[in-house]
């Protein structure tokens, strides 16, 4: 089981290193890592388990964050219709995206960052993505809103990019061109 002490923190060199593509079918070790990452997210959103094990709630977790340079991440969140999305992405890619951008008015957070970093993080409002499941099945999804933001946040981790790299340092809350705050669609 992954715990908070297994998640590396901001400043660790692995967070700034590009993860490597995985070969399919996955090894047992890689399958276990994928399942453990998803289990962390599910447990972290359960009030009893998160308190019992001291887990910070999260909606996404990339392999880089548990000090593994493998191109995979887990997501566990609800879409704009309240439907549960819960899956692991192996070798994920964005194949197309909207010109329009969006951002979370409250900013983004990260399990590897222990402080609040205020500012707008511009993301594509709508994306089409491809990835493989843990079982090697290729998936293609269209995401918008919060799931699209979370997917881009985790994909950034696999490329050694942190969310705050996207914040305008001179003016963190400057209106992002051709964008809208999530929730104001």
N, C-alpha and C. Protein backbone atom coordinates (compact mmCIF):
# COMPACT_ATOMS: atom_id res chain seq x y z
N UNK A 1 0.84 -1.19 0.00
CA UNK A 1 0.00 0.00 0.00
C UNK A 1 0.88 1.25 0.00
N UNK A 2 0.57 2.19 -0.89
CA UNK A 2 1.32 3.45 -0.94
C UNK A 2 0.80 4.37 0.16
N UNK A 3 1.74 4.96 0.91
CA UNK A 3 1.42 5.91 1.97
C UNK A 3 2.06 7.26 1.64
N UNK A 4 1.73 8.29 2.42
CA UNK A 4 2.28 9.63 2.14
C UNK A 4 3.81 9.62 2.13
N UNK A 5 4.44 8.80 2.99
CA UNK A 5 5.91 8.80 3.03
C UNK A 5 6.52 8.19 1.76
N UNK A 6 5.71 7.50 0.96
CA UNK A 6 6.19 6.92 -0.30
C UNK A 6 6.16 7.94 -1.44
N UNK A 7 5.47 9.06 -1.22
CA UNK A 7 5.34 10.09 -2.27
C UNK A 7 6.46 11.09 -2.09
N UNK A 8 7.30 11.21 -3.15
CA UNK A 8 8.44 12.12 -3.05
C UNK A 8 7.97 13.57 -3.15
N UNK A 9 8.76 14.47 -2.58
CA UNK A 9 8.35 15.86 -2.48
C UNK A 9 9.12 16.76 -3.45
N UNK A 10 8.50 17.91 -3.68
CA UNK A 10 9.05 18.96 -4.53
C UNK A 10 10.54 19.15 -4.21
N UNK A 11 11.36 19.21 -5.25
CA UNK A 11 12.80 19.34 -5.07
C UNK A 11 13.53 18.03 -5.36
N UNK A 12 12.84 16.90 -5.29
CA UNK A 12 13.45 15.61 -5.60
C UNK A 12 13.71 15.54 -7.11
N UNK A 13 14.91 15.12 -7.53
CA UNK A 13 15.25 15.14 -8.96
C UNK A 13 14.34 14.28 -9.86
N UNK A 14 13.74 13.21 -9.33
CA UNK A 14 12.87 12.36 -10.15
C UNK A 14 11.66 13.15 -10.67
N UNK A 15 11.21 14.14 -9.90
CA UNK A 15 10.05 14.94 -10.33
C UNK A 15 10.37 15.81 -11.54
N UNK A 16 11.66 16.00 -11.82
CA UNK A 16 12.08 16.83 -12.95
C UNK A 16 12.67 15.99 -14.09
N UNK A 17 12.47 14.68 -14.02
CA UNK A 17 13.03 13.76 -15.01
C UNK A 17 11.91 13.16 -15.85
N UNK A 18 12.12 13.08 -17.16
CA UNK A 18 11.11 12.51 -18.05
C UNK A 18 11.04 10.99 -17.85
N UNK A 19 9.82 10.49 -17.69
CA UNK A 19 9.60 9.05 -17.49
C UNK A 19 9.74 8.30 -18.82
N UNK A 20 10.06 7.02 -18.72
CA UNK A 20 10.30 6.16 -19.88
C UNK A 20 9.04 5.40 -20.28
N UNK A 21 8.84 5.22 -21.60
CA UNK A 21 7.72 4.42 -22.12
C UNK A 21 7.81 3.01 -21.53
N UNK A 22 6.66 2.42 -21.33
CA UNK A 22 6.59 1.06 -20.82
C UNK A 22 6.37 0.08 -21.96
N UNK A 23 6.96 -1.09 -21.84
CA UNK A 23 6.73 -2.16 -22.81
C UNK A 23 5.50 -2.94 -22.38
N UNK A 24 4.71 -3.33 -23.37
CA UNK A 24 3.52 -4.13 -23.10
C UNK A 24 3.75 -5.55 -23.59
N UNK A 25 3.21 -6.58 -22.97
CA UNK A 25 2.41 -6.49 -21.75
C UNK A 25 3.25 -6.07 -20.54
N UNK A 26 2.58 -5.49 -19.56
CA UNK A 26 3.27 -5.02 -18.36
C UNK A 26 3.84 -6.18 -17.56
N UNK A 27 4.95 -5.92 -16.89
CA UNK A 27 5.49 -6.90 -15.95
C UNK A 27 4.58 -6.94 -14.73
N UNK A 28 4.71 -7.98 -13.93
CA UNK A 28 3.92 -8.06 -12.69
C UNK A 28 4.24 -6.88 -11.78
N UNK A 29 5.51 -6.48 -11.76
CA UNK A 29 5.95 -5.34 -10.94
C UNK A 29 5.23 -4.06 -11.38
N UNK A 30 5.14 -3.84 -12.70
CA UNK A 30 4.48 -2.63 -13.21
C UNK A 30 2.97 -2.69 -12.96
N UNK A 31 2.37 -3.86 -13.08
CA UNK A 31 0.94 -4.01 -12.79
C UNK A 31 0.66 -3.69 -11.32
N UNK A 32 1.54 -4.17 -10.44
CA UNK A 32 1.36 -3.90 -9.02
C UNK A 32 1.47 -2.41 -8.73
N UNK A 33 2.46 -1.75 -9.34
CA UNK A 33 2.62 -0.30 -9.15
C UNK A 33 1.36 0.43 -9.61
N UNK A 34 0.85 0.07 -10.79
CA UNK A 34 -0.36 0.71 -11.33
C UNK A 34 -1.53 0.53 -10.36
N UNK A 35 -1.73 -0.69 -9.89
CA UNK A 35 -2.84 -0.96 -8.97
C UNK A 35 -2.65 -0.26 -7.63
N UNK A 36 -1.41 -0.20 -7.14
CA UNK A 36 -1.13 0.48 -5.87
C UNK A 36 -1.40 1.98 -5.98
N UNK A 37 -1.06 2.59 -7.12
CA UNK A 37 -1.29 4.03 -7.30
C UNK A 37 -2.79 4.32 -7.30
N UNK A 38 -3.57 3.51 -8.00
CA UNK A 38 -5.02 3.72 -8.04
C UNK A 38 -5.62 3.47 -6.65
N UNK A 39 -5.13 2.45 -5.97
CA UNK A 39 -5.61 2.15 -4.61
C UNK A 39 -5.36 3.33 -3.68
N UNK A 40 -4.19 3.98 -3.81
CA UNK A 40 -3.90 5.15 -2.97
C UNK A 40 -4.98 6.21 -3.16
N UNK A 41 -5.30 6.53 -4.43
CA UNK A 41 -6.28 7.58 -4.70
C UNK A 41 -7.65 7.23 -4.13
N UNK A 42 -8.07 5.98 -4.32
CA UNK A 42 -9.37 5.55 -3.80
C UNK A 42 -9.38 5.65 -2.28
N UNK A 43 -8.33 5.14 -1.64
CA UNK A 43 -8.25 5.19 -0.17
C UNK A 43 -8.17 6.62 0.34
N UNK A 44 -7.45 7.49 -0.40
CA UNK A 44 -7.25 8.87 0.06
C UNK A 44 -8.55 9.67 0.04
N UNK A 45 -9.52 9.22 -0.77
CA UNK A 45 -10.80 9.92 -0.85
C UNK A 45 -11.85 9.33 0.11
N UNK A 46 -11.48 8.28 0.82
CA UNK A 46 -12.35 7.67 1.82
C UNK A 46 -11.98 8.31 3.18
N UNK A 47 -12.92 9.07 3.78
CA UNK A 47 -12.58 9.81 5.01
C UNK A 47 -12.00 8.92 6.13
N UNK A 48 -12.55 7.73 6.32
CA UNK A 48 -12.04 6.86 7.39
C UNK A 48 -10.63 6.38 7.09
N UNK A 49 -10.40 5.90 5.85
CA UNK A 49 -9.07 5.38 5.51
C UNK A 49 -8.03 6.49 5.45
N UNK A 50 -8.41 7.66 4.91
CA UNK A 50 -7.43 8.74 4.81
C UNK A 50 -6.99 9.20 6.20
N UNK A 51 -7.93 9.20 7.16
CA UNK A 51 -7.56 9.57 8.53
C UNK A 51 -6.72 8.48 9.19
N UNK A 52 -7.15 7.23 9.01
CA UNK A 52 -6.45 6.10 9.63
C UNK A 52 -4.99 6.03 9.18
N UNK A 53 -4.75 6.23 7.88
CA UNK A 53 -3.39 6.09 7.34
C UNK A 53 -2.69 7.43 7.09
N UNK A 54 -3.33 8.54 7.41
CA UNK A 54 -2.71 9.86 7.22
C UNK A 54 -2.49 10.20 5.75
N UNK A 55 -3.47 9.89 4.90
CA UNK A 55 -3.35 10.12 3.46
C UNK A 55 -3.92 11.48 3.07
N UNK A 56 -3.18 12.25 2.29
CA UNK A 56 -3.74 13.47 1.74
C UNK A 56 -4.62 13.09 0.56
N UNK A 57 -5.85 13.61 0.50
CA UNK A 57 -6.73 13.26 -0.63
C UNK A 57 -6.14 13.73 -1.96
N UNK A 58 -6.24 12.86 -2.97
CA UNK A 58 -5.76 13.20 -4.30
C UNK A 58 -6.66 12.61 -5.36
N UNK A 59 -6.62 13.21 -6.55
CA UNK A 59 -7.39 12.69 -7.69
C UNK A 59 -6.49 12.08 -8.75
N UNK A 60 -5.18 12.35 -8.66
CA UNK A 60 -4.23 11.81 -9.63
C UNK A 60 -2.90 11.53 -8.97
N UNK A 61 -2.20 10.52 -9.50
CA UNK A 61 -0.88 10.17 -8.99
C UNK A 61 -0.07 9.59 -10.13
N UNK A 62 1.08 10.21 -10.40
CA UNK A 62 1.98 9.75 -11.47
C UNK A 62 3.09 8.90 -10.87
N UNK A 63 3.61 7.97 -11.67
CA UNK A 63 4.68 7.09 -11.19
C UNK A 63 5.90 7.89 -10.71
N UNK A 64 6.20 9.02 -11.37
CA UNK A 64 7.32 9.86 -10.92
C UNK A 64 7.18 10.20 -9.44
N UNK A 65 5.93 10.40 -8.99
CA UNK A 65 5.70 10.85 -7.63
C UNK A 65 6.00 9.77 -6.58
N UNK A 66 6.11 8.53 -7.02
CA UNK A 66 6.53 7.47 -6.11
C UNK A 66 7.92 6.98 -6.52
N UNK A 67 8.68 7.90 -7.13
CA UNK A 67 10.09 7.70 -7.48
C UNK A 67 10.30 6.57 -8.48
N UNK A 68 9.39 6.46 -9.46
CA UNK A 68 9.51 5.45 -10.51
C UNK A 68 9.37 6.15 -11.86
N UNK A 69 10.40 6.06 -12.69
CA UNK A 69 10.39 6.78 -13.97
C UNK A 69 9.72 5.95 -15.07
N UNK A 70 8.45 5.67 -14.87
CA UNK A 70 7.66 4.88 -15.82
C UNK A 70 6.47 5.73 -16.26
N UNK A 71 6.15 5.66 -17.58
CA UNK A 71 5.07 6.50 -18.13
C UNK A 71 3.70 5.91 -17.79
N UNK A 72 3.29 6.15 -16.55
CA UNK A 72 1.96 5.74 -16.13
C UNK A 72 1.48 6.65 -15.01
N UNK A 73 0.17 6.86 -15.00
CA UNK A 73 -0.44 7.56 -13.88
C UNK A 73 -1.84 7.03 -13.65
N UNK A 74 -2.35 7.29 -12.45
CA UNK A 74 -3.71 6.87 -12.07
C UNK A 74 -4.56 8.11 -11.86
N UNK A 75 -5.84 8.00 -12.22
CA UNK A 75 -6.83 9.06 -11.97
C UNK A 75 -8.04 8.44 -11.29
N UNK A 76 -8.59 9.16 -10.31
CA UNK A 76 -9.81 8.72 -9.64
C UNK A 76 -10.58 9.99 -9.28
N UNK A 77 -11.60 10.31 -10.10
CA UNK A 77 -12.34 11.56 -9.93
C UNK A 77 -13.69 11.45 -10.61
N UNK A 78 -14.51 12.48 -10.42
CA UNK A 78 -15.81 12.52 -11.08
C UNK A 78 -15.76 13.48 -12.25
N UNK A 79 -16.50 13.16 -13.32
CA UNK A 79 -16.60 14.08 -14.45
C UNK A 79 -17.71 15.10 -14.17
N UNK A 80 -17.98 15.98 -15.14
CA UNK A 80 -18.95 17.05 -14.93
C UNK A 80 -20.39 16.54 -14.79
N UNK A 81 -20.62 15.27 -15.11
CA UNK A 81 -21.96 14.68 -14.94
C UNK A 81 -22.05 13.88 -13.63
N UNK A 82 -20.99 13.92 -12.84
CA UNK A 82 -20.99 13.19 -11.57
C UNK A 82 -20.67 11.72 -11.72
N UNK A 83 -20.21 11.31 -12.92
CA UNK A 83 -19.84 9.91 -13.12
C UNK A 83 -18.40 9.68 -12.68
N UNK A 84 -18.18 8.54 -12.02
CA UNK A 84 -16.85 8.20 -11.52
C UNK A 84 -15.93 7.76 -12.65
N UNK A 85 -14.77 8.39 -12.74
CA UNK A 85 -13.71 7.96 -13.65
C UNK A 85 -12.59 7.43 -12.77
N UNK A 86 -12.18 6.20 -13.02
CA UNK A 86 -11.16 5.58 -12.19
C UNK A 86 -10.36 4.62 -13.06
N UNK A 87 -9.13 5.02 -13.41
CA UNK A 87 -8.34 4.19 -14.30
C UNK A 87 -6.87 4.55 -14.22
N UNK A 88 -6.04 3.66 -14.78
CA UNK A 88 -4.60 3.88 -14.89
C UNK A 88 -4.29 4.06 -16.38
N UNK A 89 -3.48 5.05 -16.69
CA UNK A 89 -3.06 5.32 -18.07
C UNK A 89 -1.61 4.89 -18.24
N UNK A 90 -1.38 4.01 -19.21
CA UNK A 90 -0.03 3.55 -19.54
C UNK A 90 0.35 4.24 -20.86
N UNK A 91 1.53 4.84 -20.90
CA UNK A 91 2.03 5.55 -22.09
C UNK A 91 0.99 6.53 -22.65
N UNK A 92 0.46 7.43 -21.81
CA UNK A 92 -0.60 8.34 -22.26
C UNK A 92 -0.08 9.44 -23.20
N UNK A 93 -0.98 9.88 -24.09
CA UNK A 93 -0.68 10.96 -25.04
C UNK A 93 -1.93 11.79 -25.27
N UNK A 94 -1.74 13.08 -25.49
CA UNK A 94 -2.83 13.93 -25.97
C UNK A 94 -2.72 13.93 -27.48
N UNK A 95 -3.79 13.51 -28.18
CA UNK A 95 -3.74 13.44 -29.64
C UNK A 95 -4.37 14.67 -30.29
N UNK A 96 -5.25 15.37 -29.57
CA UNK A 96 -5.76 16.65 -30.05
C UNK A 96 -6.30 17.43 -28.86
N UNK A 97 -6.41 18.75 -29.04
CA UNK A 97 -6.88 19.60 -27.95
C UNK A 97 -7.56 20.84 -28.51
N UNK A 98 -8.38 21.45 -27.66
CA UNK A 98 -9.07 22.68 -28.03
C UNK A 98 -8.07 23.84 -28.06
N UNK A 99 -8.43 24.89 -28.78
CA UNK A 99 -7.66 26.13 -28.72
C UNK A 99 -7.98 26.81 -27.39
N UNK A 100 -9.24 26.73 -26.99
CA UNK A 100 -9.70 27.34 -25.76
C UNK A 100 -9.05 26.68 -24.55
N UNK A 101 -8.74 27.50 -23.57
CA UNK A 101 -8.13 27.00 -22.34
C UNK A 101 -9.06 27.23 -21.16
N UNK A 102 -8.75 26.57 -20.08
CA UNK A 102 -9.49 26.73 -18.83
C UNK A 102 -8.50 26.65 -17.68
N UNK A 103 -8.98 26.96 -16.49
CA UNK A 103 -8.13 26.87 -15.30
C UNK A 103 -9.03 26.77 -14.08
N UNK A 104 -8.47 26.27 -12.99
CA UNK A 104 -9.21 26.21 -11.73
C UNK A 104 -9.06 27.56 -11.03
N UNK A 105 -10.17 28.25 -10.73
CA UNK A 105 -10.08 29.56 -10.08
C UNK A 105 -9.29 29.51 -8.77
N UNK A 106 -9.34 28.37 -8.07
CA UNK A 106 -8.63 28.23 -6.79
C UNK A 106 -7.18 27.78 -6.98
N UNK A 107 -6.76 27.53 -8.22
CA UNK A 107 -5.41 27.04 -8.48
C UNK A 107 -5.36 25.52 -8.36
N UNK A 108 -4.18 24.95 -8.63
CA UNK A 108 -3.99 23.50 -8.56
C UNK A 108 -3.16 23.15 -7.33
N UNK A 109 -3.30 21.92 -6.91
CA UNK A 109 -2.48 21.39 -5.83
C UNK A 109 -1.82 20.11 -6.30
N UNK A 110 -0.95 19.55 -5.46
CA UNK A 110 -0.20 18.37 -5.86
C UNK A 110 0.24 17.62 -4.61
N UNK A 111 0.14 16.29 -4.64
CA UNK A 111 0.56 15.48 -3.49
C UNK A 111 2.05 15.60 -3.22
N UNK A 112 2.83 16.03 -4.22
CA UNK A 112 4.28 16.18 -4.04
C UNK A 112 4.66 17.60 -3.60
N UNK A 113 3.69 18.49 -3.50
CA UNK A 113 3.96 19.89 -3.12
C UNK A 113 3.22 20.17 -1.82
N UNK A 114 3.99 20.43 -0.76
CA UNK A 114 3.40 20.59 0.57
C UNK A 114 2.98 22.02 0.91
N UNK A 115 3.07 22.91 -0.06
CA UNK A 115 2.66 24.29 0.20
C UNK A 115 1.65 24.73 -0.86
N UNK A 116 0.90 25.76 -0.54
CA UNK A 116 -0.04 26.32 -1.50
C UNK A 116 0.72 27.25 -2.44
N UNK A 117 0.52 27.08 -3.74
CA UNK A 117 1.16 27.97 -4.72
C UNK A 117 0.03 28.62 -5.51
N UNK A 118 -0.32 29.86 -5.14
CA UNK A 118 -1.45 30.51 -5.79
C UNK A 118 -1.16 30.92 -7.22
N UNK A 119 -2.22 30.89 -8.03
CA UNK A 119 -2.09 31.34 -9.41
C UNK A 119 -2.87 30.45 -10.35
N UNK A 120 -3.22 31.02 -11.51
CA UNK A 120 -3.94 30.28 -12.53
C UNK A 120 -2.98 29.39 -13.32
N UNK A 121 -3.39 28.15 -13.55
CA UNK A 121 -2.60 27.19 -14.32
C UNK A 121 -3.40 26.91 -15.60
N UNK A 122 -3.03 27.56 -16.72
CA UNK A 122 -3.81 27.35 -17.95
C UNK A 122 -3.66 25.93 -18.49
N UNK A 123 -4.80 25.35 -18.85
CA UNK A 123 -4.85 24.00 -19.42
C UNK A 123 -5.80 24.02 -20.61
N UNK A 124 -5.65 23.07 -21.53
CA UNK A 124 -6.62 22.94 -22.62
C UNK A 124 -7.98 22.59 -22.02
N UNK A 125 -9.03 23.23 -22.51
CA UNK A 125 -10.38 22.99 -21.98
C UNK A 125 -10.89 21.61 -22.36
N UNK A 126 -10.53 21.15 -23.57
CA UNK A 126 -10.98 19.84 -24.05
C UNK A 126 -9.79 19.13 -24.71
N UNK A 127 -9.66 17.85 -24.41
CA UNK A 127 -8.57 17.07 -24.99
C UNK A 127 -9.09 15.71 -25.44
N UNK A 128 -8.44 15.16 -26.46
CA UNK A 128 -8.66 13.77 -26.84
C UNK A 128 -7.35 13.06 -26.53
N UNK A 129 -7.46 11.96 -25.81
CA UNK A 129 -6.27 11.27 -25.32
C UNK A 129 -6.28 9.81 -25.74
N UNK A 130 -5.07 9.26 -25.82
CA UNK A 130 -4.90 7.82 -26.05
C UNK A 130 -3.97 7.30 -24.98
N UNK A 131 -4.25 6.08 -24.55
CA UNK A 131 -3.38 5.41 -23.58
C UNK A 131 -3.71 3.93 -23.60
N UNK A 132 -2.90 3.15 -22.92
CA UNK A 132 -3.16 1.72 -22.76
C UNK A 132 -3.61 1.46 -21.34
N UNK A 133 -4.50 0.48 -21.19
CA UNK A 133 -4.91 0.05 -19.85
C UNK A 133 -3.83 -0.88 -19.29
N UNK A 134 -3.99 -1.24 -18.03
CA UNK A 134 -3.06 -2.18 -17.39
C UNK A 134 -3.04 -3.51 -18.15
N UNK A 135 -4.17 -3.86 -18.78
CA UNK A 135 -4.26 -5.11 -19.53
C UNK A 135 -3.80 -4.98 -20.99
N UNK A 136 -3.29 -3.79 -21.36
CA UNK A 136 -2.74 -3.61 -22.70
C UNK A 136 -3.74 -3.20 -23.76
N UNK A 137 -4.97 -2.89 -23.34
CA UNK A 137 -6.00 -2.46 -24.29
C UNK A 137 -5.82 -0.97 -24.59
N UNK A 138 -5.84 -0.61 -25.89
CA UNK A 138 -5.72 0.81 -26.24
C UNK A 138 -7.06 1.51 -26.05
N UNK A 139 -7.01 2.67 -25.40
CA UNK A 139 -8.23 3.46 -25.15
C UNK A 139 -8.06 4.84 -25.77
N UNK A 140 -9.18 5.39 -26.23
CA UNK A 140 -9.22 6.77 -26.71
C UNK A 140 -10.39 7.44 -26.02
N UNK A 141 -10.14 8.55 -25.35
CA UNK A 141 -11.18 9.26 -24.60
C UNK A 141 -11.17 10.73 -24.94
N UNK A 142 -12.35 11.34 -24.85
CA UNK A 142 -12.46 12.80 -24.93
C UNK A 142 -12.75 13.27 -23.52
N UNK A 143 -11.94 14.20 -23.05
CA UNK A 143 -12.10 14.72 -21.70
C UNK A 143 -12.29 16.23 -21.75
N UNK A 144 -13.09 16.74 -20.82
CA UNK A 144 -13.24 18.18 -20.70
C UNK A 144 -13.36 18.53 -19.23
N UNK A 145 -13.22 19.80 -18.93
CA UNK A 145 -13.38 20.24 -17.55
C UNK A 145 -12.32 19.66 -16.62
N UNK A 146 -12.77 19.32 -15.40
CA UNK A 146 -11.83 18.86 -14.37
C UNK A 146 -11.04 17.62 -14.78
N UNK A 147 -11.67 16.58 -15.39
CA UNK A 147 -10.87 15.42 -15.82
C UNK A 147 -9.77 15.80 -16.83
N UNK A 148 -10.06 16.75 -17.72
CA UNK A 148 -9.04 17.19 -18.69
C UNK A 148 -7.88 17.88 -17.97
N UNK A 149 -8.21 18.71 -16.98
CA UNK A 149 -7.17 19.40 -16.20
C UNK A 149 -6.31 18.37 -15.46
N UNK A 150 -6.96 17.42 -14.80
CA UNK A 150 -6.22 16.41 -14.02
C UNK A 150 -5.33 15.56 -14.93
N UNK A 151 -5.84 15.18 -16.11
CA UNK A 151 -5.04 14.38 -17.05
C UNK A 151 -3.79 15.16 -17.46
N UNK A 152 -3.94 16.45 -17.77
CA UNK A 152 -2.79 17.26 -18.19
C UNK A 152 -1.80 17.45 -17.05
N UNK A 153 -2.30 17.60 -15.81
CA UNK A 153 -1.43 17.74 -14.64
C UNK A 153 -0.56 16.49 -14.49
N UNK A 154 -1.19 15.31 -14.59
CA UNK A 154 -0.43 14.07 -14.42
C UNK A 154 0.51 13.81 -15.60
N UNK A 155 0.08 14.12 -16.81
CA UNK A 155 0.95 13.97 -17.98
C UNK A 155 2.18 14.86 -17.85
N UNK A 156 1.99 16.06 -17.32
CA UNK A 156 3.13 16.94 -17.06
C UNK A 156 4.15 16.26 -16.16
N UNK A 157 3.67 15.58 -15.10
CA UNK A 157 4.60 14.88 -14.19
C UNK A 157 5.49 13.92 -14.98
N UNK A 158 4.90 13.19 -15.93
CA UNK A 158 5.67 12.21 -16.70
C UNK A 158 6.73 12.88 -17.58
N UNK A 159 6.55 14.18 -17.82
CA UNK A 159 7.52 14.94 -18.61
C UNK A 159 8.42 15.82 -17.75
N UNK A 160 8.37 15.63 -16.43
CA UNK A 160 9.23 16.39 -15.52
C UNK A 160 8.79 17.83 -15.32
N UNK A 161 7.51 18.10 -15.55
CA UNK A 161 6.98 19.47 -15.43
C UNK A 161 6.06 19.53 -14.21
N UNK A 162 6.19 20.59 -13.42
CA UNK A 162 5.33 20.80 -12.25
C UNK A 162 4.25 21.82 -12.61
N UNK A 163 3.10 21.72 -11.94
CA UNK A 163 1.98 22.61 -12.27
C UNK A 163 2.34 24.08 -12.17
N UNK A 164 3.18 24.44 -11.19
CA UNK A 164 3.50 25.85 -10.99
C UNK A 164 4.41 26.41 -12.08
N UNK A 165 4.98 25.54 -12.92
CA UNK A 165 5.77 26.01 -14.07
C UNK A 165 4.89 26.79 -15.04
N UNK A 166 3.57 26.54 -15.02
CA UNK A 166 2.64 27.20 -15.94
C UNK A 166 2.10 28.53 -15.40
N UNK A 167 2.36 28.82 -14.13
CA UNK A 167 1.84 30.05 -13.52
C UNK A 167 2.68 31.24 -13.96
N UNK A 168 2.01 32.32 -14.32
CA UNK A 168 2.69 33.57 -14.68
C UNK A 168 3.27 34.17 -13.39
N UNK A 169 4.60 34.11 -13.25
CA UNK A 169 5.23 34.58 -12.02
C UNK A 169 5.02 36.07 -11.78
N UNK A 170 5.01 36.87 -12.84
CA UNK A 170 4.86 38.31 -12.70
C UNK A 170 3.46 38.67 -12.21
N UNK A 171 2.44 37.91 -12.68
CA UNK A 171 1.06 38.20 -12.30
C UNK A 171 0.29 36.87 -12.25
N UNK A 172 0.37 36.15 -11.11
CA UNK A 172 -0.20 34.81 -11.02
C UNK A 172 -1.69 34.72 -11.34
N UNK A 173 -2.43 35.82 -11.13
CA UNK A 173 -3.88 35.77 -11.37
C UNK A 173 -4.29 36.58 -12.60
N UNK A 174 -3.33 36.80 -13.49
CA UNK A 174 -3.64 37.51 -14.73
C UNK A 174 -4.60 36.65 -15.55
N UNK A 175 -5.61 37.30 -16.16
CA UNK A 175 -6.56 36.57 -17.00
C UNK A 175 -5.80 35.87 -18.12
N UNK A 176 -6.04 34.58 -18.29
CA UNK A 176 -5.37 33.79 -19.33
C UNK A 176 -6.11 34.03 -20.64
N UNK A 177 -5.35 34.38 -21.68
CA UNK A 177 -5.95 34.68 -22.98
C UNK A 177 -6.72 33.46 -23.51
N UNK A 178 -7.89 33.74 -24.11
CA UNK A 178 -8.73 32.71 -24.73
C UNK A 178 -9.05 31.58 -23.74
N UNK A 179 -9.49 31.98 -22.53
CA UNK A 179 -9.76 30.97 -21.50
C UNK A 179 -10.96 31.36 -20.65
N UNK A 180 -11.42 30.40 -19.86
CA UNK A 180 -12.47 30.66 -18.89
C UNK A 180 -12.15 29.86 -17.64
N UNK A 181 -12.57 30.40 -16.46
CA UNK A 181 -12.37 29.63 -15.24
C UNK A 181 -13.33 28.43 -15.22
N UNK A 182 -12.85 27.28 -14.80
CA UNK A 182 -13.70 26.09 -14.73
C UNK A 182 -14.88 26.39 -13.81
N UNK A 183 -16.08 26.06 -14.27
CA UNK A 183 -17.28 26.37 -13.52
C UNK A 183 -18.04 27.53 -14.16
N UNK A 184 -17.39 28.29 -15.07
CA UNK A 184 -18.03 29.43 -15.75
C UNK A 184 -18.28 29.12 -17.22
N UNK A 185 -18.48 27.84 -17.55
CA UNK A 185 -18.64 27.48 -18.95
C UNK A 185 -19.96 27.99 -19.51
